[in-house]
Amino acid sequence: MLRKPDGAVNGNRLDLIRVLLTVGIVCRHATTTELSSTTAAFSAFTQGIVWLTEVCVPLFYVISGYLYFRNVPLNPQPKWFLDKYRSRFFSLVIPYVIANCIAWLCFFFAIKEMPSMVSGFFGDSWKDPVFVFWTGPVNMSLWFIRELILVVLLSPAVYLLVRYTRWWGVLALGLLWAFKIGPAPLFFFSLGACEGVWKIAPVERWLMAPCRVDIRSRAWTYFVYLYHYLLVIGVKKGLIMLLHPQGTMALFGIYLGSVIIVLGALTLVYGGMRKIMPRVTGVIVGGK
């Protein structure tokens, strides 16, 4: 049985998947910065990264749906959903608001002092305080969490769908998504929910099997996801302005260096915060 992370405690394969998906998202967003010059080989490489990481966000929705409903009783009472809402308020809404507030402060500083660092990416949307709820997050990569919050609000309907239609209801949502009628987050969350409610035994055993990944990686992946986007853009733009890369190998080095610097910096910051102010850090990562 897995224990709380007092020391280095092994997690499960789901933790390993989350680590890989988080690194994949950082790699994807490291391709977004525009370059004044590029090469055909580097363009093909970045397109390959975008293609390979296309699965990251959908799989995060699947995982979220699976974990949300993994321990759902056969006939959940309203209190079960209210408890889930309360839990997700602390694990989703509060970290989302904090991360967007920090992003807003970063934008405000950068637009005043270093406008070139954010040009072409953020427009004037950061000026609208309600932007994070109605149009999109100030930290643009957090659209995933905003959509997840909305899907969680629909979780009672999701449960009824998968409880009484099983995989057929999910298949219907998948068809709607394929024809661009239904939202992707609802389909993928429901797909994970169906596994959580009905449990295909081999899948359940495989996902929950012990794996040599520290259980504390759950909080690390969340922290990296919340705060990587602004940093990866800033680091890559800074390296480009400093080094003026020319040629495929130089561009590849800038790209790889950006990914490594961002992952390393966020790991150091998270580790330091966890030691210096564990309670504040716990709030930032939703109590993970």
Foldseek 3Di string as FASTA:
>chain_A
DWDPPPDQTFFAVLLVLLVVLLLLVLLLLLLPADDPDDDPVQVVVNVVSNVVNVCSLLVVLLQLLQVLQQPPDLDDDPVSLVVSLVLCCLQQVLLQVVLLVVLLVVVVVCVVPPVVLCPPPQPCLSVDPCCCQPPHGSLRLCSSSNVVNVLSVVVVVLCVQCSPVNVVSLVVQVVCVVVVNHDSSNSSSSNSNSCSNVNPPVVVCRRRHTDSDGPCSLLLSLQCSSPQNSQLSNQLVVCCVVPVDDDDVSNVCSSVVSSVVSSVVSVVVLVVCCVPPVVVSCSNNSND
